[in-house]
């Protein structure tokens, strides 16, 4: 009985994983969220696209990407904030940094809604 987990299978898995990682980088187009968004939130001209990693596990984490008028907003330093005044209150987008020290860590942008 042979094993189906030969070296060729692992090579194909590595290529598929790399292709999936490369596909995570497209920008929003025409006001729509990128395909990789599991959760979206809009405030004014801003769109927060959040990808949930390892969903439903103890290692669940989130990576947030922020767009303004179809262009990705690049955070410079952790703690940077952008406030958007809305009729329902103020939305504060906060940059958490790019690093994820643990699988369950959050990185990128997040939103805090205040009334």
N, C-alpha and C. Protein backbone atom coordinates (compact mmCIF):
# COMPACT_ATOMS: atom_id res chain seq x y z
N UNK A 1 0.83 -1.19 0.00
CA UNK A 1 0.00 0.00 0.00
C UNK A 1 0.88 1.24 0.00
N UNK A 2 0.75 2.06 -1.00
CA UNK A 2 1.54 3.28 -1.09
C UNK A 2 0.83 4.44 -0.42
N UNK A 3 1.63 5.38 -0.01
CA UNK A 3 1.08 6.58 0.63
C UNK A 3 0.84 7.65 -0.43
N UNK A 4 -0.27 8.36 -0.32
CA UNK A 4 -0.56 9.43 -1.28
C UNK A 4 0.15 10.73 -0.91
N UNK A 5 0.91 10.70 0.17
CA UNK A 5 1.59 11.92 0.64
C UNK A 5 3.06 11.92 0.23
N UNK A 6 3.31 11.66 -1.03
CA UNK A 6 4.69 11.64 -1.53
C UNK A 6 5.24 13.04 -1.69
N UNK A 7 6.53 13.14 -2.07
CA UNK A 7 7.17 14.45 -2.21
C UNK A 7 6.49 15.36 -3.24
N UNK A 8 5.95 14.77 -4.31
CA UNK A 8 5.27 15.59 -5.32
C UNK A 8 4.03 16.26 -4.78
N UNK A 9 3.32 15.54 -3.90
CA UNK A 9 2.11 16.12 -3.29
C UNK A 9 2.47 17.34 -2.46
N UNK A 10 3.54 17.25 -1.70
CA UNK A 10 3.95 18.38 -0.84
C UNK A 10 4.42 19.55 -1.69
N UNK A 11 5.06 19.27 -2.81
CA UNK A 11 5.51 20.35 -3.71
C UNK A 11 4.29 21.07 -4.28
N UNK A 12 3.26 20.31 -4.71
CA UNK A 12 2.04 20.93 -5.23
C UNK A 12 1.34 21.75 -4.14
N UNK A 13 1.32 21.23 -2.92
CA UNK A 13 0.72 21.96 -1.81
C UNK A 13 1.46 23.28 -1.56
N UNK A 14 2.79 23.25 -1.62
CA UNK A 14 3.59 24.47 -1.43
C UNK A 14 3.30 25.50 -2.51
N UNK A 15 3.19 25.05 -3.75
CA UNK A 15 2.89 25.98 -4.86
C UNK A 15 1.50 26.56 -4.68
N UNK A 16 0.53 25.73 -4.29
CA UNK A 16 -0.84 26.23 -4.09
C UNK A 16 -0.89 27.23 -2.95
N UNK A 17 -0.13 26.97 -1.88
CA UNK A 17 -0.08 27.90 -0.76
C UNK A 17 0.53 29.22 -1.18
N UNK A 18 1.62 29.18 -1.93
CA UNK A 18 2.26 30.40 -2.40
C UNK A 18 1.32 31.18 -3.31
N UNK A 19 0.61 30.50 -4.19
CA UNK A 19 -0.34 31.18 -5.08
C UNK A 19 -1.45 31.85 -4.27
N UNK A 20 -1.92 31.19 -3.22
CA UNK A 20 -2.96 31.79 -2.38
C UNK A 20 -2.43 33.03 -1.68
N UNK A 21 -1.19 33.00 -1.21
CA UNK A 21 -0.62 34.15 -0.52
C UNK A 21 -0.46 35.33 -1.48
N UNK A 22 -0.02 35.06 -2.69
CA UNK A 22 0.16 36.13 -3.67
C UNK A 22 -1.18 36.75 -4.03
N UNK A 23 -2.26 35.96 -4.04
CA UNK A 23 -3.57 36.49 -4.42
C UNK A 23 -4.19 37.37 -3.35
N UNK A 24 -3.55 37.51 -2.20
CA UNK A 24 -4.11 38.32 -1.12
C UNK A 24 -3.82 39.81 -1.29
N UNK A 25 -3.18 40.23 -2.37
CA UNK A 25 -2.73 41.60 -2.48
C UNK A 25 -3.52 42.54 -3.40
N UNK A 26 -4.60 42.14 -4.08
CA UNK A 26 -5.24 43.11 -4.97
C UNK A 26 -5.93 44.24 -4.20
N UNK A 27 -6.01 45.40 -4.84
CA UNK A 27 -6.67 46.56 -4.22
C UNK A 27 -8.16 46.55 -4.51
N UNK A 28 -8.90 47.31 -3.74
CA UNK A 28 -10.34 47.44 -3.98
C UNK A 28 -10.55 48.12 -5.32
N UNK A 29 -11.62 47.78 -5.98
CA UNK A 29 -11.90 48.40 -7.27
C UNK A 29 -13.34 48.86 -7.36
N UNK A 30 -13.55 50.05 -7.82
CA UNK A 30 -14.88 50.62 -8.05
C UNK A 30 -15.79 50.52 -6.83
N UNK A 31 -15.24 50.78 -5.65
CA UNK A 31 -16.06 50.83 -4.45
C UNK A 31 -16.41 49.47 -3.85
N UNK A 32 -15.91 48.40 -4.43
CA UNK A 32 -16.19 47.07 -3.90
C UNK A 32 -15.03 46.62 -3.04
N UNK A 33 -15.34 45.75 -2.10
CA UNK A 33 -14.30 45.19 -1.23
C UNK A 33 -13.46 44.19 -2.03
N UNK A 34 -12.17 44.07 -1.70
CA UNK A 34 -11.36 43.02 -2.32
C UNK A 34 -11.98 41.66 -2.02
N UNK A 35 -11.73 40.69 -2.86
CA UNK A 35 -12.33 39.36 -2.71
C UNK A 35 -11.95 38.67 -1.40
N UNK A 36 -10.85 39.03 -0.79
CA UNK A 36 -10.37 38.33 0.38
C UNK A 36 -10.99 38.82 1.68
N UNK A 37 -11.94 39.73 1.63
CA UNK A 37 -12.56 40.26 2.85
C UNK A 37 -13.54 39.27 3.43
N UNK A 38 -13.37 38.96 4.71
CA UNK A 38 -14.36 38.16 5.42
C UNK A 38 -15.35 39.08 6.11
N UNK A 39 -14.90 40.28 6.47
CA UNK A 39 -15.76 41.28 7.10
C UNK A 39 -15.42 42.63 6.48
N UNK A 40 -16.43 43.46 6.27
CA UNK A 40 -16.20 44.81 5.75
C UNK A 40 -16.95 45.82 6.60
N UNK A 41 -16.40 47.04 6.63
CA UNK A 41 -17.04 48.13 7.36
C UNK A 41 -16.74 49.42 6.61
N UNK A 42 -17.77 50.23 6.35
CA UNK A 42 -17.60 51.50 5.64
C UNK A 42 -17.90 52.66 6.56
N UNK A 43 -17.11 53.72 6.40
CA UNK A 43 -17.34 54.98 7.10
C UNK A 43 -16.85 56.09 6.18
N UNK A 44 -17.78 56.92 5.71
CA UNK A 44 -17.40 57.96 4.75
C UNK A 44 -16.82 57.31 3.50
N UNK A 45 -15.69 57.79 3.04
CA UNK A 45 -15.01 57.22 1.87
C UNK A 45 -14.10 56.05 2.22
N UNK A 46 -14.06 55.66 3.49
CA UNK A 46 -13.16 54.59 3.94
C UNK A 46 -13.85 53.24 3.89
N UNK A 47 -13.09 52.22 3.58
CA UNK A 47 -13.54 50.84 3.60
C UNK A 47 -12.52 50.03 4.37
N UNK A 48 -12.95 49.37 5.44
CA UNK A 48 -12.09 48.48 6.20
C UNK A 48 -12.40 47.05 5.77
N UNK A 49 -11.40 46.37 5.24
CA UNK A 49 -11.51 44.99 4.78
C UNK A 49 -10.74 44.13 5.77
N UNK A 50 -11.44 43.21 6.44
CA UNK A 50 -10.79 42.38 7.44
C UNK A 50 -10.81 40.93 6.98
N UNK A 51 -9.64 40.32 7.01
CA UNK A 51 -9.52 38.90 6.70
C UNK A 51 -9.37 38.15 8.02
N UNK A 52 -10.20 37.15 8.25
CA UNK A 52 -10.14 36.34 9.47
C UNK A 52 -9.28 35.11 9.17
N UNK A 53 -8.23 34.95 9.94
CA UNK A 53 -7.32 33.83 9.78
C UNK A 53 -7.63 32.76 10.82
N UNK A 54 -7.59 31.51 10.43
CA UNK A 54 -7.83 30.38 11.34
C UNK A 54 -9.19 30.53 12.04
N UNK A 55 -10.21 30.89 11.29
CA UNK A 55 -11.54 31.16 11.84
C UNK A 55 -12.08 29.98 12.64
N UNK A 56 -12.67 30.28 13.77
CA UNK A 56 -13.30 29.28 14.60
C UNK A 56 -12.37 28.46 15.46
N UNK A 57 -11.09 28.82 15.49
CA UNK A 57 -10.13 28.09 16.32
C UNK A 57 -9.61 29.00 17.42
N UNK A 58 -8.88 28.43 18.35
CA UNK A 58 -8.26 29.25 19.40
C UNK A 58 -7.19 30.17 18.81
N UNK A 59 -6.73 29.88 17.62
CA UNK A 59 -5.70 30.69 16.97
C UNK A 59 -6.29 31.75 16.03
N UNK A 60 -7.60 32.03 16.13
CA UNK A 60 -8.23 32.99 15.23
C UNK A 60 -7.62 34.38 15.40
N UNK A 61 -7.23 34.97 14.29
CA UNK A 61 -6.68 36.31 14.27
C UNK A 61 -7.27 37.09 13.11
N UNK A 62 -7.00 38.38 13.07
CA UNK A 62 -7.54 39.23 12.01
C UNK A 62 -6.45 40.13 11.43
N UNK A 63 -6.56 40.37 10.13
CA UNK A 63 -5.69 41.31 9.44
C UNK A 63 -6.60 42.32 8.74
N UNK A 64 -6.49 43.60 9.13
CA UNK A 64 -7.34 44.63 8.57
C UNK A 64 -6.59 45.49 7.56
N UNK A 65 -7.22 45.72 6.41
CA UNK A 65 -6.66 46.60 5.38
C UNK A 65 -7.65 47.74 5.17
N UNK A 66 -7.15 48.96 5.15
CA UNK A 66 -8.00 50.14 5.04
C UNK A 66 -7.82 50.77 3.67
N UNK A 67 -8.94 51.14 3.05
CA UNK A 67 -8.93 51.77 1.73
C UNK A 67 -9.67 53.09 1.80
N UNK A 68 -9.16 54.07 1.08
CA UNK A 68 -9.82 55.37 0.93
C UNK A 68 -9.97 55.63 -0.56
N UNK A 69 -11.21 55.72 -1.01
CA UNK A 69 -11.49 55.95 -2.43
C UNK A 69 -10.71 54.99 -3.33
N UNK A 70 -10.79 53.70 -3.02
CA UNK A 70 -10.18 52.62 -3.80
C UNK A 70 -8.66 52.55 -3.73
N UNK A 71 -8.03 53.30 -2.85
CA UNK A 71 -6.57 53.23 -2.68
C UNK A 71 -6.26 52.77 -1.27
N UNK A 72 -5.33 51.81 -1.14
CA UNK A 72 -5.00 51.29 0.17
C UNK A 72 -4.26 52.33 1.00
N UNK A 73 -4.67 52.48 2.26
CA UNK A 73 -4.03 53.40 3.20
C UNK A 73 -2.94 52.61 3.93
N UNK A 74 -1.72 53.09 3.86
CA UNK A 74 -0.60 52.42 4.50
C UNK A 74 -0.34 53.03 5.86
N UNK A 75 -0.42 52.20 6.90
CA UNK A 75 -0.10 52.68 8.24
C UNK A 75 1.40 52.85 8.39
N UNK A 76 1.80 53.89 9.11
CA UNK A 76 3.23 54.15 9.30
C UNK A 76 3.75 53.59 10.62
N UNK A 77 3.03 53.89 11.70
CA UNK A 77 3.47 53.43 13.02
C UNK A 77 2.26 52.89 13.79
N UNK A 78 2.50 51.88 14.62
CA UNK A 78 1.43 51.32 15.44
C UNK A 78 0.87 52.41 16.33
N UNK A 79 -0.44 52.47 16.44
CA UNK A 79 -1.11 53.49 17.24
C UNK A 79 -1.63 54.64 16.42
N UNK A 80 -1.24 54.74 15.16
CA UNK A 80 -1.74 55.80 14.28
C UNK A 80 -3.26 55.69 14.17
N UNK A 81 -3.96 56.81 14.21
CA UNK A 81 -5.42 56.79 14.12
C UNK A 81 -5.92 57.75 13.05
N UNK A 82 -7.06 57.42 12.51
CA UNK A 82 -7.79 58.27 11.57
C UNK A 82 -9.22 58.33 12.07
N UNK A 83 -9.72 59.53 12.32
CA UNK A 83 -11.09 59.69 12.80
C UNK A 83 -11.99 60.18 11.68
N UNK A 84 -13.15 59.57 11.58
CA UNK A 84 -14.14 59.94 10.56
C UNK A 84 -15.43 60.27 11.29
N UNK A 85 -15.90 61.51 11.12
CA UNK A 85 -17.16 61.93 11.75
C UNK A 85 -18.32 61.52 10.86
N UNK A 86 -19.29 60.85 11.49
CA UNK A 86 -20.47 60.37 10.79
C UNK A 86 -21.69 60.90 11.54
N UNK A 87 -22.86 60.94 10.90
CA UNK A 87 -24.07 61.38 11.60
C UNK A 87 -24.37 60.53 12.85
N UNK A 88 -24.00 59.25 12.83
CA UNK A 88 -24.27 58.35 13.95
C UNK A 88 -23.20 58.43 15.04
N UNK A 89 -22.14 59.18 14.82
CA UNK A 89 -21.04 59.28 15.78
C UNK A 89 -19.71 59.29 15.05
N UNK A 90 -18.65 59.05 15.78
CA UNK A 90 -17.30 59.08 15.22
C UNK A 90 -16.77 57.65 15.10
N UNK A 91 -16.11 57.39 13.99
CA UNK A 91 -15.44 56.11 13.78
C UNK A 91 -13.95 56.38 13.84
N UNK A 92 -13.25 55.61 14.64
CA UNK A 92 -11.79 55.75 14.74
C UNK A 92 -11.13 54.49 14.19
N UNK A 93 -10.38 54.67 13.10
CA UNK A 93 -9.59 53.58 12.55
C UNK A 93 -8.22 53.64 13.22
N UNK A 94 -7.74 52.51 13.70
CA UNK A 94 -6.46 52.47 14.40
C UNK A 94 -5.56 51.43 13.74
N UNK A 95 -4.30 51.83 13.51
CA UNK A 95 -3.32 50.93 12.92
C UNK A 95 -2.60 50.18 14.04
N UNK A 96 -2.68 48.85 13.99
CA UNK A 96 -2.08 48.02 15.04
C UNK A 96 -0.66 47.59 14.73
N UNK A 97 -0.18 47.89 13.54
CA UNK A 97 1.14 47.44 13.10
C UNK A 97 1.00 46.25 12.17
N UNK A 98 2.11 45.91 11.52
CA UNK A 98 2.10 44.81 10.55
C UNK A 98 2.46 43.47 11.17
N UNK A 99 3.10 43.48 12.33
CA UNK A 99 3.58 42.24 12.94
C UNK A 99 2.47 41.49 13.66
N UNK A 100 2.50 40.18 13.59
CA UNK A 100 1.58 39.32 14.34
C UNK A 100 2.44 38.37 15.16
N UNK A 101 2.73 38.71 16.42
CA UNK A 101 3.62 37.87 17.22
C UNK A 101 3.05 36.48 17.51
N UNK A 102 1.73 36.33 17.44
CA UNK A 102 1.08 35.04 17.67
C UNK A 102 0.06 34.81 16.57
N UNK A 103 -0.32 33.56 16.34
CA UNK A 103 -1.34 33.27 15.34
C UNK A 103 -2.64 33.99 15.63
N UNK A 104 -2.97 34.15 16.90
CA UNK A 104 -4.24 34.75 17.30
C UNK A 104 -4.18 36.28 17.40
N UNK A 105 -3.05 36.86 17.06
CA UNK A 105 -2.91 38.32 17.13
C UNK A 105 -3.66 38.99 15.97
N UNK A 106 -4.03 40.24 16.19
CA UNK A 106 -4.62 41.07 15.15
C UNK A 106 -3.56 42.03 14.64
N UNK A 107 -3.62 42.35 13.36
CA UNK A 107 -2.67 43.30 12.79
C UNK A 107 -3.37 44.14 11.74
N UNK A 108 -2.67 45.15 11.27
CA UNK A 108 -3.26 46.05 10.27
C UNK A 108 -4.18 47.05 10.94
N UNK A 109 -5.30 47.33 10.30
CA UNK A 109 -6.24 48.35 10.76
C UNK A 109 -7.44 47.73 11.46
N UNK A 110 -8.00 48.43 12.40
CA UNK A 110 -9.22 48.05 13.09
C UNK A 110 -10.11 49.28 13.23
N UNK A 111 -11.39 49.09 13.51
CA UNK A 111 -12.31 50.21 13.65
C UNK A 111 -12.95 50.20 15.03
N UNK A 112 -13.11 51.39 15.59
CA UNK A 112 -13.79 51.57 16.87
C UNK A 112 -14.88 52.59 16.63
N UNK A 113 -16.12 52.20 16.86
CA UNK A 113 -17.26 53.08 16.63
C UNK A 113 -17.68 53.74 17.95
N UNK A 114 -17.78 55.05 17.94
CA UNK A 114 -18.20 55.79 19.13
C UNK A 114 -19.42 56.64 18.79
N UNK A 115 -20.38 56.64 19.68
CA UNK A 115 -21.60 57.43 19.44
C UNK A 115 -21.56 58.72 20.23
